[in-house]
ModelCIF file with pLDDT and N, C-alpha, C, O atoms, coordinates in Angstrom:
data_MODEL
#
_entry.id   MODEL 
#
_entity.id                         1 
_entity.type                       polymer 
_entity.pdbx_number_of_molecules   1 
#
_entity_poly.entity_id                      1 
_entity_poly.type                           'polypeptide(L)' 
_entity_poly.nstd_linkage                   no 
_entity_poly.nstd_monomer                   no 
_entity_poly.pdbx_seq_one_letter_code       
;(UNK)(UNK)(UNK)(UNK)(UNK)(UNK)(UNK)(UNK)(UNK)(UNK)(UNK)(UNK)(UNK)(UNK)(UNK)(UNK)
(UNK)(UNK)(UNK)(UNK)(UNK)(UNK)(UNK)(UNK)(UNK)(UNK)(UNK)(UNK)(UNK)(UNK)(UNK)(UNK)
(UNK)(UNK)(UNK)(UNK)(UNK)(UNK)(UNK)(UNK)(UNK)(UNK)(UNK)(UNK)(UNK)(UNK)(UNK)
;
_entity_poly.pdbx_seq_one_letter_code_can   XXXXXXXXXXXXXXXXXXXXXXXXXXXXXXXXXXXXXXXXXXXXXXX 
_entity_poly.pdbx_strand_id                 A 
#
loop_
_entity_poly_seq.entity_id 
_entity_poly_seq.num 
_entity_poly_seq.mon_id 
_entity_poly_seq.hetero 
1 1  UNK n 
1 2  UNK n 
1 3  UNK n 
1 4  UNK n 
1 5  UNK n 
1 6  UNK n 
1 7  UNK n 
1 8  UNK n 
1 9  UNK n 
1 10 UNK n 
1 11 UNK n 
1 12 UNK n 
1 13 UNK n 
1 14 UNK n 
1 15 UNK n 
1 16 UNK n 
1 17 UNK n 
1 18 UNK n 
1 19 UNK n 
1 20 UNK n 
1 21 UNK n 
1 22 UNK n 
1 23 UNK n 
1 24 UNK n 
1 25 UNK n 
1 26 UNK n 
1 27 UNK n 
1 28 UNK n 
1 29 UNK n 
1 30 UNK n 
1 31 UNK n 
1 32 UNK n 
1 33 UNK n 
1 34 UNK n 
1 35 UNK n 
1 36 UNK n 
1 37 UNK n 
1 38 UNK n 
1 39 UNK n 
1 40 UNK n 
1 41 UNK n 
1 42 UNK n 
1 43 UNK n 
1 44 UNK n 
1 45 UNK n 
1 46 UNK n 
1 47 UNK n 
#
_struct_asym.id          A 
_struct_asym.entity_id   1 
#
loop_
_ma_qa_metric.id 
_ma_qa_metric.mode 
_ma_qa_metric.name 
_ma_qa_metric.software_group_id 
_ma_qa_metric.type 
1 global pLDDT . pLDDT 
2 local  pLDDT . pLDDT 
#
_ma_qa_metric_global.metric_id      1 
_ma_qa_metric_global.metric_value   95.77 
_ma_qa_metric_global.model_id       1 
_ma_qa_metric_global.ordinal_id     1 
#
loop_
_ma_qa_metric_local.label_asym_id 
_ma_qa_metric_local.label_comp_id 
_ma_qa_metric_local.label_seq_id 
_ma_qa_metric_local.metric_id 
_ma_qa_metric_local.metric_value 
_ma_qa_metric_local.model_id 
_ma_qa_metric_local.ordinal_id 
A UNK 1  2 98.00 1 1  
A UNK 2  2 98.00 1 2  
A UNK 3  2 98.00 1 3  
A UNK 4  2 98.00 1 4  
A UNK 5  2 98.00 1 5  
A UNK 6  2 98.00 1 6  
A UNK 7  2 98.00 1 7  
A UNK 8  2 98.00 1 8  
A UNK 9  2 98.00 1 9  
A UNK 10 2 98.00 1 10 
A UNK 11 2 98.00 1 11 
A UNK 12 2 98.00 1 12 
A UNK 13 2 98.00 1 13 
A UNK 14 2 98.00 1 14 
A UNK 15 2 97.00 1 15 
A UNK 16 2 97.00 1 16 
A UNK 17 2 96.00 1 17 
A UNK 18 2 96.00 1 18 
A UNK 19 2 96.00 1 19 
A UNK 20 2 97.00 1 20 
A UNK 21 2 98.00 1 21 
A UNK 22 2 98.00 1 22 
A UNK 23 2 98.00 1 23 
A UNK 24 2 98.00 1 24 
A UNK 25 2 98.00 1 25 
A UNK 26 2 98.00 1 26 
A UNK 27 2 98.00 1 27 
A UNK 28 2 98.00 1 28 
A UNK 29 2 98.00 1 29 
A UNK 30 2 97.00 1 30 
A UNK 31 2 97.00 1 31 
A UNK 32 2 97.00 1 32 
A UNK 33 2 96.00 1 33 
A UNK 34 2 92.00 1 34 
A UNK 35 2 92.00 1 35 
A UNK 36 2 94.00 1 36 
A UNK 37 2 95.00 1 37 
A UNK 38 2 93.00 1 38 
A UNK 39 2 89.00 1 39 
A UNK 40 2 91.00 1 40 
A UNK 41 2 93.00 1 41 
A UNK 42 2 93.00 1 42 
A UNK 43 2 91.00 1 43 
A UNK 44 2 91.00 1 44 
A UNK 45 2 89.00 1 45 
A UNK 46 2 89.00 1 46 
A UNK 47 2 89.00 1 47 
#
loop_
_atom_site.group_PDB 
_atom_site.id 
_atom_site.type_symbol 
_atom_site.label_atom_id 
_atom_site.label_alt_id 
_atom_site.label_comp_id 
_atom_site.label_asym_id 
_atom_site.label_entity_id 
_atom_site.label_seq_id 
_atom_site.pdbx_PDB_ins_code 
_atom_site.Cartn_x 
_atom_site.Cartn_y 
_atom_site.Cartn_z 
_atom_site.occupancy 
_atom_site.B_iso_or_equiv 
_atom_site.pdbx_formal_charge 
_atom_site.auth_seq_id 
_atom_site.auth_comp_id 
_atom_site.auth_asym_id 
_atom_site.auth_atom_id 
_atom_site.pdbx_PDB_model_num 
ATOM 1   N N  . UNK A 1 1  ? -103.947 14.891 128.738 1.00 98.00 ? 1  UNK A N  1 
ATOM 2   C CA . UNK A 1 1  ? -103.577 13.614 128.112 1.00 98.00 ? 1  UNK A CA 1 
ATOM 3   C C  . UNK A 1 1  ? -102.064 13.504 127.944 1.00 98.00 ? 1  UNK A C  1 
ATOM 4   O O  . UNK A 1 1  ? -101.484 12.432 128.118 1.00 98.00 ? 1  UNK A O  1 
ATOM 5   N N  . UNK A 1 2  ? -101.442 14.617 127.606 1.00 98.00 ? 2  UNK A N  1 
ATOM 6   C CA . UNK A 1 2  ? -99.983  14.621 127.421 1.00 98.00 ? 2  UNK A CA 1 
ATOM 7   C C  . UNK A 1 2  ? -99.276  14.357 128.754 1.00 98.00 ? 2  UNK A C  1 
ATOM 8   O O  . UNK A 1 2  ? -98.267  13.652 128.792 1.00 98.00 ? 2  UNK A O  1 
ATOM 9   N N  . UNK A 1 3  ? -99.803  14.921 129.848 1.00 98.00 ? 3  UNK A N  1 
ATOM 10  C CA . UNK A 1 3  ? -99.194  14.706 131.173 1.00 98.00 ? 3  UNK A CA 1 
ATOM 11  C C  . UNK A 1 3  ? -99.248  13.228 131.538 1.00 98.00 ? 3  UNK A C  1 
ATOM 12  O O  . UNK A 1 3  ? -98.239  12.653 131.948 1.00 98.00 ? 3  UNK A O  1 
ATOM 13  N N  . UNK A 1 4  ? -100.433 12.600 131.389 1.00 98.00 ? 4  UNK A N  1 
ATOM 14  C CA . UNK A 1 4  ? -100.524 11.190 131.815 1.00 98.00 ? 4  UNK A CA 1 
ATOM 15  C C  . UNK A 1 4  ? -99.815  10.270 130.821 1.00 98.00 ? 4  UNK A C  1 
ATOM 16  O O  . UNK A 1 4  ? -99.356  9.190  131.191 1.00 98.00 ? 4  UNK A O  1 
ATOM 17  N N  . UNK A 1 5  ? -99.725  10.698 129.563 1.00 98.00 ? 5  UNK A N  1 
ATOM 18  C CA . UNK A 1 5  ? -98.975  9.901  128.578 1.00 98.00 ? 5  UNK A CA 1 
ATOM 19  C C  . UNK A 1 5  ? -97.487  9.922  128.940 1.00 98.00 ? 5  UNK A C  1 
ATOM 20  O O  . UNK A 1 5  ? -96.826  8.884  128.951 1.00 98.00 ? 5  UNK A O  1 
ATOM 21  N N  . UNK A 1 6  ? -96.971  11.122 129.237 1.00 98.00 ? 6  UNK A N  1 
ATOM 22  C CA . UNK A 1 6  ? -95.550  11.229 129.585 1.00 98.00 ? 6  UNK A CA 1 
ATOM 23  C C  . UNK A 1 6  ? -95.241  10.542 130.915 1.00 98.00 ? 6  UNK A C  1 
ATOM 24  O O  . UNK A 1 6  ? -94.116  10.099 131.149 1.00 98.00 ? 6  UNK A O  1 
ATOM 25  N N  . UNK A 1 7  ? -96.250  10.459 131.783 1.00 98.00 ? 7  UNK A N  1 
ATOM 26  C CA . UNK A 1 7  ? -96.045  9.779  133.071 1.00 98.00 ? 7  UNK A CA 1 
ATOM 27  C C  . UNK A 1 7  ? -96.156  8.262  132.902 1.00 98.00 ? 7  UNK A C  1 
ATOM 28  O O  . UNK A 1 7  ? -95.884  7.505  133.834 1.00 98.00 ? 7  UNK A O  1 
ATOM 29  N N  . UNK A 1 8  ? -96.561  7.823  131.697 1.00 98.00 ? 8  UNK A N  1 
ATOM 30  C CA . UNK A 1 8  ? -96.655  6.392  131.421 1.00 98.00 ? 8  UNK A CA 1 
ATOM 31  C C  . UNK A 1 8  ? -97.875  5.718  132.031 1.00 98.00 ? 8  UNK A C  1 
ATOM 32  O O  . UNK A 1 8  ? -97.865  4.513  132.285 1.00 98.00 ? 8  UNK A O  1 
ATOM 33  N N  . UNK A 1 9  ? -98.946  6.511  132.270 1.00 98.00 ? 9  UNK A N  1 
ATOM 34  C CA . UNK A 1 9  ? -100.118 5.907  132.922 1.00 98.00 ? 9  UNK A CA 1 
ATOM 35  C C  . UNK A 1 9  ? -101.410 6.074  132.106 1.00 98.00 ? 9  UNK A C  1 
ATOM 36  O O  . UNK A 1 9  ? -102.508 5.887  132.631 1.00 98.00 ? 9  UNK A O  1 
ATOM 37  N N  . UNK A 1 10 ? -101.271 6.429  130.814 1.00 98.00 ? 10 UNK A N  1 
ATOM 38  C CA . UNK A 1 10 ? -102.486 6.569  130.000 1.00 98.00 ? 10 UNK A CA 1 
ATOM 39  C C  . UNK A 1 10 ? -102.851 5.191  129.455 1.00 98.00 ? 10 UNK A C  1 
ATOM 40  O O  . UNK A 1 10 ? -102.650 4.898  128.276 1.00 98.00 ? 10 UNK A O  1 
ATOM 41  N N  . UNK A 1 11 ? -103.390 4.356  130.335 1.00 98.00 ? 11 UNK A N  1 
ATOM 42  C CA . UNK A 1 11 ? -103.720 2.978  129.983 1.00 98.00 ? 11 UNK A CA 1 
ATOM 43  C C  . UNK A 1 11 ? -105.088 2.905  129.297 1.00 98.00 ? 11 UNK A C  1 
ATOM 44  O O  . UNK A 1 11 ? -105.846 3.874  129.334 1.00 98.00 ? 11 UNK A O  1 
ATOM 45  N N  . UNK A 1 12 ? -105.413 1.770  128.671 1.00 98.00 ? 12 UNK A N  1 
ATOM 46  C CA . UNK A 1 12 ? -106.692 1.634  127.957 1.00 98.00 ? 12 UNK A CA 1 
ATOM 47  C C  . UNK A 1 12 ? -107.939 1.755  128.854 1.00 98.00 ? 12 UNK A C  1 
ATOM 48  O O  . UNK A 1 12 ? -109.039 1.997  128.358 1.00 98.00 ? 12 UNK A O  1 
ATOM 49  N N  . UNK A 1 13 ? -107.763 1.586  130.169 1.00 98.00 ? 13 UNK A N  1 
ATOM 50  C CA . UNK A 1 13 ? -108.927 1.691  131.064 1.00 98.00 ? 13 UNK A CA 1 
ATOM 51  C C  . UNK A 1 13 ? -109.224 3.139  131.481 1.00 98.00 ? 13 UNK A C  1 
ATOM 52  O O  . UNK A 1 13 ? -110.109 3.390  132.299 1.00 98.00 ? 13 UNK A O  1 
ATOM 53  N N  . UNK A 1 14 ? -108.466 4.090  130.902 1.00 98.00 ? 14 UNK A N  1 
ATOM 54  C CA . UNK A 1 14 ? -108.627 5.500  131.270 1.00 98.00 ? 14 UNK A CA 1 
ATOM 55  C C  . UNK A 1 14 ? -109.393 6.250  130.184 1.00 98.00 ? 14 UNK A C  1 
ATOM 56  O O  . UNK A 1 14 ? -109.035 6.190  129.007 1.00 98.00 ? 14 UNK A O  1 
ATOM 57  N N  . UNK A 1 15 ? -110.448 6.956  130.586 1.00 97.00 ? 15 UNK A N  1 
ATOM 58  C CA . UNK A 1 15 ? -111.180 7.809  129.645 1.00 97.00 ? 15 UNK A CA 1 
ATOM 59  C C  . UNK A 1 15 ? -111.116 9.247  130.159 1.00 97.00 ? 15 UNK A C  1 
ATOM 60  O O  . UNK A 1 15 ? -111.353 9.512  131.337 1.00 97.00 ? 15 UNK A O  1 
ATOM 61  N N  . UNK A 1 16 ? -110.791 10.172 129.248 1.00 97.00 ? 16 UNK A N  1 
ATOM 62  C CA . UNK A 1 16 ? -110.673 11.584 129.627 1.00 97.00 ? 16 UNK A CA 1 
ATOM 63  C C  . UNK A 1 16 ? -111.799 12.389 128.990 1.00 97.00 ? 16 UNK A C  1 
ATOM 64  O O  . UNK A 1 16 ? -112.010 12.333 127.778 1.00 97.00 ? 16 UNK A O  1 
ATOM 65  N N  . UNK A 1 17 ? -112.517 13.135 129.818 1.00 96.00 ? 17 UNK A N  1 
ATOM 66  C CA . UNK A 1 17 ? -113.499 14.099 129.316 1.00 96.00 ? 17 UNK A CA 1 
ATOM 67  C C  . UNK A 1 17 ? -113.068 15.460 129.834 1.00 96.00 ? 17 UNK A C  1 
ATOM 68  O O  . UNK A 1 17 ? -112.917 15.664 131.038 1.00 96.00 ? 17 UNK A O  1 
ATOM 69  N N  . UNK A 1 18 ? -112.869 16.400 128.894 1.00 96.00 ? 18 UNK A N  1 
ATOM 70  C CA . UNK A 1 18 ? -112.297 17.686 129.278 1.00 96.00 ? 18 UNK A CA 1 
ATOM 71  C C  . UNK A 1 18 ? -112.552 18.701 128.166 1.00 96.00 ? 18 UNK A C  1 
ATOM 72  O O  . UNK A 1 18 ? -113.321 18.441 127.240 1.00 96.00 ? 18 UNK A O  1 
ATOM 73  N N  . UNK A 1 19 ? -111.904 19.853 128.265 1.00 96.00 ? 19 UNK A N  1 
ATOM 74  C CA . UNK A 1 19 ? -112.003 20.867 127.205 1.00 96.00 ? 19 UNK A CA 1 
ATOM 75  C C  . UNK A 1 19 ? -110.881 20.631 126.199 1.00 96.00 ? 19 UNK A C  1 
ATOM 76  O O  . UNK A 1 19 ? -109.716 20.923 126.469 1.00 96.00 ? 19 UNK A O  1 
ATOM 77  N N  . UNK A 1 20 ? -111.248 20.101 125.045 1.00 97.00 ? 20 UNK A N  1 
ATOM 78  C CA . UNK A 1 20 ? -110.232 19.801 124.040 1.00 97.00 ? 20 UNK A CA 1 
ATOM 79  C C  . UNK A 1 20 ? -110.107 20.916 123.017 1.00 97.00 ? 20 UNK A C  1 
ATOM 80  O O  . UNK A 1 20 ? -111.096 21.511 122.588 1.00 97.00 ? 20 UNK A O  1 
ATOM 81  N N  . UNK A 1 21 ? -108.872 21.180 122.641 1.00 98.00 ? 21 UNK A N  1 
ATOM 82  C CA . UNK A 1 21 ? -108.595 22.231 121.665 1.00 98.00 ? 21 UNK A CA 1 
ATOM 83  C C  . UNK A 1 21 ? -109.003 21.772 120.271 1.00 98.00 ? 21 UNK A C  1 
ATOM 84  O O  . UNK A 1 21 ? -108.961 20.585 119.947 1.00 98.00 ? 21 UNK A O  1 
ATOM 85  N N  . UNK A 1 22 ? -109.393 22.731 119.470 1.00 98.00 ? 22 UNK A N  1 
ATOM 86  C CA . UNK A 1 22 ? -109.765 22.454 118.078 1.00 98.00 ? 22 UNK A CA 1 
ATOM 87  C C  . UNK A 1 22 ? -108.700 23.094 117.189 1.00 98.00 ? 22 UNK A C  1 
ATOM 88  O O  . UNK A 1 22 ? -108.554 24.316 117.164 1.00 98.00 ? 22 UNK A O  1 
ATOM 89  N N  . UNK A 1 23 ? -107.963 22.266 116.466 1.00 98.00 ? 23 UNK A N  1 
ATOM 90  C CA . UNK A 1 23 ? -106.876 22.767 115.623 1.00 98.00 ? 23 UNK A CA 1 
ATOM 91  C C  . UNK A 1 23 ? -107.303 22.744 114.158 1.00 98.00 ? 23 UNK A C  1 
ATOM 92  O O  . UNK A 1 23 ? -108.074 21.880 113.741 1.00 98.00 ? 23 UNK A O  1 
ATOM 93  N N  . UNK A 1 24 ? -106.797 23.695 113.385 1.00 98.00 ? 24 UNK A N  1 
ATOM 94  C CA . UNK A 1 24 ? -107.107 23.699 111.943 1.00 98.00 ? 24 UNK A CA 1 
ATOM 95  C C  . UNK A 1 24 ? -106.207 22.679 111.227 1.00 98.00 ? 24 UNK A C  1 
ATOM 96  O O  . UNK A 1 24 ? -105.443 21.955 111.865 1.00 98.00 ? 24 UNK A O  1 
ATOM 97  N N  . UNK A 1 25 ? -106.311 22.637 109.906 1.00 98.00 ? 25 UNK A N  1 
ATOM 98  C CA . UNK A 1 25 ? -105.560 21.633 109.134 1.00 98.00 ? 25 UNK A CA 1 
ATOM 99  C C  . UNK A 1 25 ? -104.046 21.790 109.272 1.00 98.00 ? 25 UNK A C  1 
ATOM 100 O O  . UNK A 1 25 ? -103.293 20.847 109.029 1.00 98.00 ? 25 UNK A O  1 
ATOM 101 N N  . UNK A 1 26 ? -103.613 22.976 109.659 1.00 98.00 ? 26 UNK A N  1 
ATOM 102 C CA . UNK A 1 26 ? -102.175 23.210 109.842 1.00 98.00 ? 26 UNK A CA 1 
ATOM 103 C C  . UNK A 1 26 ? -101.738 22.988 111.292 1.00 98.00 ? 26 UNK A C  1 
ATOM 104 O O  . UNK A 1 26 ? -100.596 23.262 111.659 1.00 98.00 ? 26 UNK A O  1 
ATOM 105 N N  . UNK A 1 27 ? -102.672 22.484 112.110 1.00 98.00 ? 27 UNK A N  1 
ATOM 106 C CA . UNK A 1 27 ? -102.318 22.213 113.510 1.00 98.00 ? 27 UNK A CA 1 
ATOM 107 C C  . UNK A 1 27 ? -102.251 23.460 114.363 1.00 98.00 ? 27 UNK A C  1 
ATOM 108 O O  . UNK A 1 27 ? -101.554 23.484 115.378 1.00 98.00 ? 27 UNK A O  1 
ATOM 109 N N  . UNK A 1 28 ? -102.984 24.519 113.953 1.00 98.00 ? 28 UNK A N  1 
ATOM 110 C CA . UNK A 1 28 ? -102.989 25.770 114.723 1.00 98.00 ? 28 UNK A CA 1 
ATOM 111 C C  . UNK A 1 28 ? -104.324 25.895 115.471 1.00 98.00 ? 28 UNK A C  1 
ATOM 112 O O  . UNK A 1 28 ? -105.387 25.635 114.907 1.00 98.00 ? 28 UNK A O  1 
ATOM 113 N N  . UNK A 1 29 ? -104.255 26.292 116.730 1.00 98.00 ? 29 UNK A N  1 
ATOM 114 C CA . UNK A 1 29 ? -105.457 26.390 117.557 1.00 98.00 ? 29 UNK A CA 1 
ATOM 115 C C  . UNK A 1 29 ? -106.433 27.416 116.973 1.00 98.00 ? 29 UNK A C  1 
ATOM 116 O O  . UNK A 1 29 ? -106.071 28.558 116.692 1.00 98.00 ? 29 UNK A O  1 
ATOM 117 N N  . UNK A 1 30 ? -107.701 26.965 116.799 1.00 97.00 ? 30 UNK A N  1 
ATOM 118 C CA . UNK A 1 30 ? -108.695 27.918 116.285 1.00 97.00 ? 30 UNK A CA 1 
ATOM 119 C C  . UNK A 1 30 ? -109.923 28.013 117.198 1.00 97.00 ? 30 UNK A C  1 
ATOM 120 O O  . UNK A 1 30 ? -110.823 28.816 116.951 1.00 97.00 ? 30 UNK A O  1 
ATOM 121 N N  . UNK A 1 31 ? -109.954 27.198 118.243 1.00 97.00 ? 31 UNK A N  1 
ATOM 122 C CA . UNK A 1 31 ? -111.090 27.238 119.157 1.00 97.00 ? 31 UNK A CA 1 
ATOM 123 C C  . UNK A 1 31 ? -111.084 26.014 120.051 1.00 97.00 ? 31 UNK A C  1 
ATOM 124 O O  . UNK A 1 31 ? -110.067 25.339 120.210 1.00 97.00 ? 31 UNK A O  1 
ATOM 125 N N  . UNK A 1 32 ? -112.253 25.743 120.636 1.00 97.00 ? 32 UNK A N  1 
ATOM 126 C CA . UNK A 1 32 ? -112.385 24.585 121.517 1.00 97.00 ? 32 UNK A CA 1 
ATOM 127 C C  . UNK A 1 32 ? -113.587 23.750 121.091 1.00 97.00 ? 32 UNK A C  1 
ATOM 128 O O  . UNK A 1 32 ? -114.577 24.277 120.584 1.00 97.00 ? 32 UNK A O  1 
ATOM 129 N N  . UNK A 1 33 ? -113.486 22.436 121.305 1.00 96.00 ? 33 UNK A N  1 
ATOM 130 C CA . UNK A 1 33 ? -114.550 21.529 120.855 1.00 96.00 ? 33 UNK A CA 1 
ATOM 131 C C  . UNK A 1 33 ? -115.655 21.413 121.896 1.00 96.00 ? 33 UNK A C  1 
ATOM 132 O O  . UNK A 1 33 ? -115.405 21.474 123.100 1.00 96.00 ? 33 UNK A O  1 
ATOM 133 N N  . UNK A 1 34 ? -116.875 21.245 121.414 1.00 92.00 ? 34 UNK A N  1 
ATOM 134 C CA . UNK A 1 34 ? -117.993 20.874 122.289 1.00 92.00 ? 34 UNK A CA 1 
ATOM 135 C C  . UNK A 1 34 ? -118.342 21.913 123.340 1.00 92.00 ? 34 UNK A C  1 
ATOM 136 O O  . UNK A 1 34 ? -117.938 23.074 123.266 1.00 92.00 ? 34 UNK A O  1 
ATOM 137 N N  . UNK A 1 35 ? -119.102 21.457 124.313 1.00 92.00 ? 35 UNK A N  1 
ATOM 138 C CA . UNK A 1 35 ? -119.572 22.346 125.380 1.00 92.00 ? 35 UNK A CA 1 
ATOM 139 C C  . UNK A 1 35 ? -118.447 22.577 126.386 1.00 92.00 ? 35 UNK A C  1 
ATOM 140 O O  . UNK A 1 35 ? -117.656 21.680 126.677 1.00 92.00 ? 35 UNK A O  1 
ATOM 141 N N  . UNK A 1 36 ? -118.397 23.796 126.907 1.00 94.00 ? 36 UNK A N  1 
ATOM 142 C CA . UNK A 1 36 ? -117.404 24.131 127.923 1.00 94.00 ? 36 UNK A CA 1 
ATOM 143 C C  . UNK A 1 36 ? -117.670 23.338 129.206 1.00 94.00 ? 36 UNK A C  1 
ATOM 144 O O  . UNK A 1 36 ? -118.802 23.266 129.684 1.00 94.00 ? 36 UNK A O  1 
ATOM 145 N N  . UNK A 1 37 ? -116.607 22.747 129.748 1.00 95.00 ? 37 UNK A N  1 
ATOM 146 C CA . UNK A 1 37 ? -116.712 22.132 131.077 1.00 95.00 ? 37 UNK A CA 1 
ATOM 147 C C  . UNK A 1 37 ? -115.963 23.044 132.046 1.00 95.00 ? 37 UNK A C  1 
ATOM 148 O O  . UNK A 1 37 ? -114.779 23.324 131.862 1.00 95.00 ? 37 UNK A O  1 
ATOM 149 N N  . UNK A 1 38 ? -116.665 23.501 133.077 1.00 93.00 ? 38 UNK A N  1 
ATOM 150 C CA . UNK A 1 38 ? -115.971 24.276 134.111 1.00 93.00 ? 38 UNK A CA 1 
ATOM 151 C C  . UNK A 1 38 ? -116.310 23.669 135.467 1.00 93.00 ? 38 UNK A C  1 
ATOM 152 O O  . UNK A 1 38 ? -117.085 22.719 135.574 1.00 93.00 ? 38 UNK A O  1 
ATOM 153 N N  . UNK A 1 39 ? -115.704 24.249 136.495 1.00 89.00 ? 39 UNK A N  1 
ATOM 154 C CA . UNK A 1 39 ? -115.790 23.683 137.836 1.00 89.00 ? 39 UNK A CA 1 
ATOM 155 C C  . UNK A 1 39 ? -117.236 23.464 138.305 1.00 89.00 ? 39 UNK A C  1 
ATOM 156 O O  . UNK A 1 39 ? -117.517 22.526 139.051 1.00 89.00 ? 39 UNK A O  1 
ATOM 157 N N  . UNK A 1 40 ? -118.146 24.338 137.861 1.00 91.00 ? 40 UNK A N  1 
ATOM 158 C CA . UNK A 1 40 ? -119.501 24.287 138.421 1.00 91.00 ? 40 UNK A CA 1 
ATOM 159 C C  . UNK A 1 40 ? -120.572 23.787 137.462 1.00 91.00 ? 40 UNK A C  1 
ATOM 160 O O  . UNK A 1 40 ? -121.760 23.945 137.743 1.00 91.00 ? 40 UNK A O  1 
ATOM 161 N N  . UNK A 1 41 ? -120.185 23.186 136.336 1.00 93.00 ? 41 UNK A N  1 
ATOM 162 C CA . UNK A 1 41 ? -121.238 22.581 135.489 1.00 93.00 ? 41 UNK A CA 1 
ATOM 163 C C  . UNK A 1 41 ? -120.952 21.109 135.211 1.00 93.00 ? 41 UNK A C  1 
ATOM 164 O O  . UNK A 1 41 ? -121.348 20.566 134.179 1.00 93.00 ? 41 UNK A O  1 
ATOM 165 N N  . UNK A 1 42 ? -120.261 20.482 136.147 1.00 93.00 ? 42 UNK A N  1 
ATOM 166 C CA . UNK A 1 42 ? -119.923 19.070 135.930 1.00 93.00 ? 42 UNK A CA 1 
ATOM 167 C C  . UNK A 1 42 ? -121.164 18.176 135.984 1.00 93.00 ? 42 UNK A C  1 
ATOM 168 O O  . UNK A 1 42 ? -121.157 17.063 135.458 1.00 93.00 ? 42 UNK A O  1 
ATOM 169 N N  . UNK A 1 43 ? -122.222 18.666 136.617 1.00 91.00 ? 43 UNK A N  1 
ATOM 170 C CA . UNK A 1 43 ? -123.476 17.897 136.635 1.00 91.00 ? 43 UNK A CA 1 
ATOM 171 C C  . UNK A 1 43 ? -123.970 17.683 135.206 1.00 91.00 ? 43 UNK A C  1 
ATOM 172 O O  . UNK A 1 43 ? -124.268 16.560 134.800 1.00 91.00 ? 43 UNK A O  1 
ATOM 173 N N  . UNK A 1 44 ? -124.052 18.786 134.448 1.00 91.00 ? 44 UNK A N  1 
ATOM 174 C CA . UNK A 1 44 ? -124.505 18.693 133.049 1.00 91.00 ? 44 UNK A CA 1 
ATOM 175 C C  . UNK A 1 44 ? -123.543 17.839 132.232 1.00 91.00 ? 44 UNK A C  1 
ATOM 176 O O  . UNK A 1 44 ? -123.964 17.037 131.399 1.00 91.00 ? 44 UNK A O  1 
ATOM 177 N N  . UNK A 1 45 ? -122.264 18.017 132.476 1.00 89.00 ? 45 UNK A N  1 
ATOM 178 C CA . UNK A 1 45 ? -121.243 17.234 131.755 1.00 89.00 ? 45 UNK A CA 1 
ATOM 179 C C  . UNK A 1 45 ? -121.394 15.750 132.027 1.00 89.00 ? 45 UNK A C  1 
ATOM 180 O O  . UNK A 1 45 ? -121.246 14.918 131.132 1.00 89.00 ? 45 UNK A O  1 
ATOM 181 N N  . UNK A 1 46 ? -121.693 15.431 133.286 1.00 89.00 ? 46 UNK A N  1 
ATOM 182 C CA . UNK A 1 46 ? -121.865 14.021 133.663 1.00 89.00 ? 46 UNK A CA 1 
ATOM 183 C C  . UNK A 1 46 ? -123.060 13.443 132.914 1.00 89.00 ? 46 UNK A C  1 
ATOM 184 O O  . UNK A 1 46 ? -123.018 12.304 132.449 1.00 89.00 ? 46 UNK A O  1 
ATOM 185 N N  . UNK A 1 47 ? -124.126 14.233 132.799 1.00 89.00 ? 47 UNK A N  1 
ATOM 186 C CA . UNK A 1 47 ? -125.327 13.737 132.126 1.00 89.00 ? 47 UNK A CA 1 
ATOM 187 C C  . UNK A 1 47 ? -125.097 13.590 130.622 1.00 89.00 ? 47 UNK A C  1 
ATOM 188 O O  . UNK A 1 47 ? -126.003 13.183 129.895 1.00 89.00 ? 47 UNK A O  1 
#
């Protein structure tokens, strides 16, 4: 998201589904949100 934001192309018609970091209240990484998306389980992710 930061890459496309800095490139000036994160328009309202864009939706990103990916592995998002989970930060604590102090903004420190403590894990990852939701189910892991990897190269070979995009079928499940799509569903």
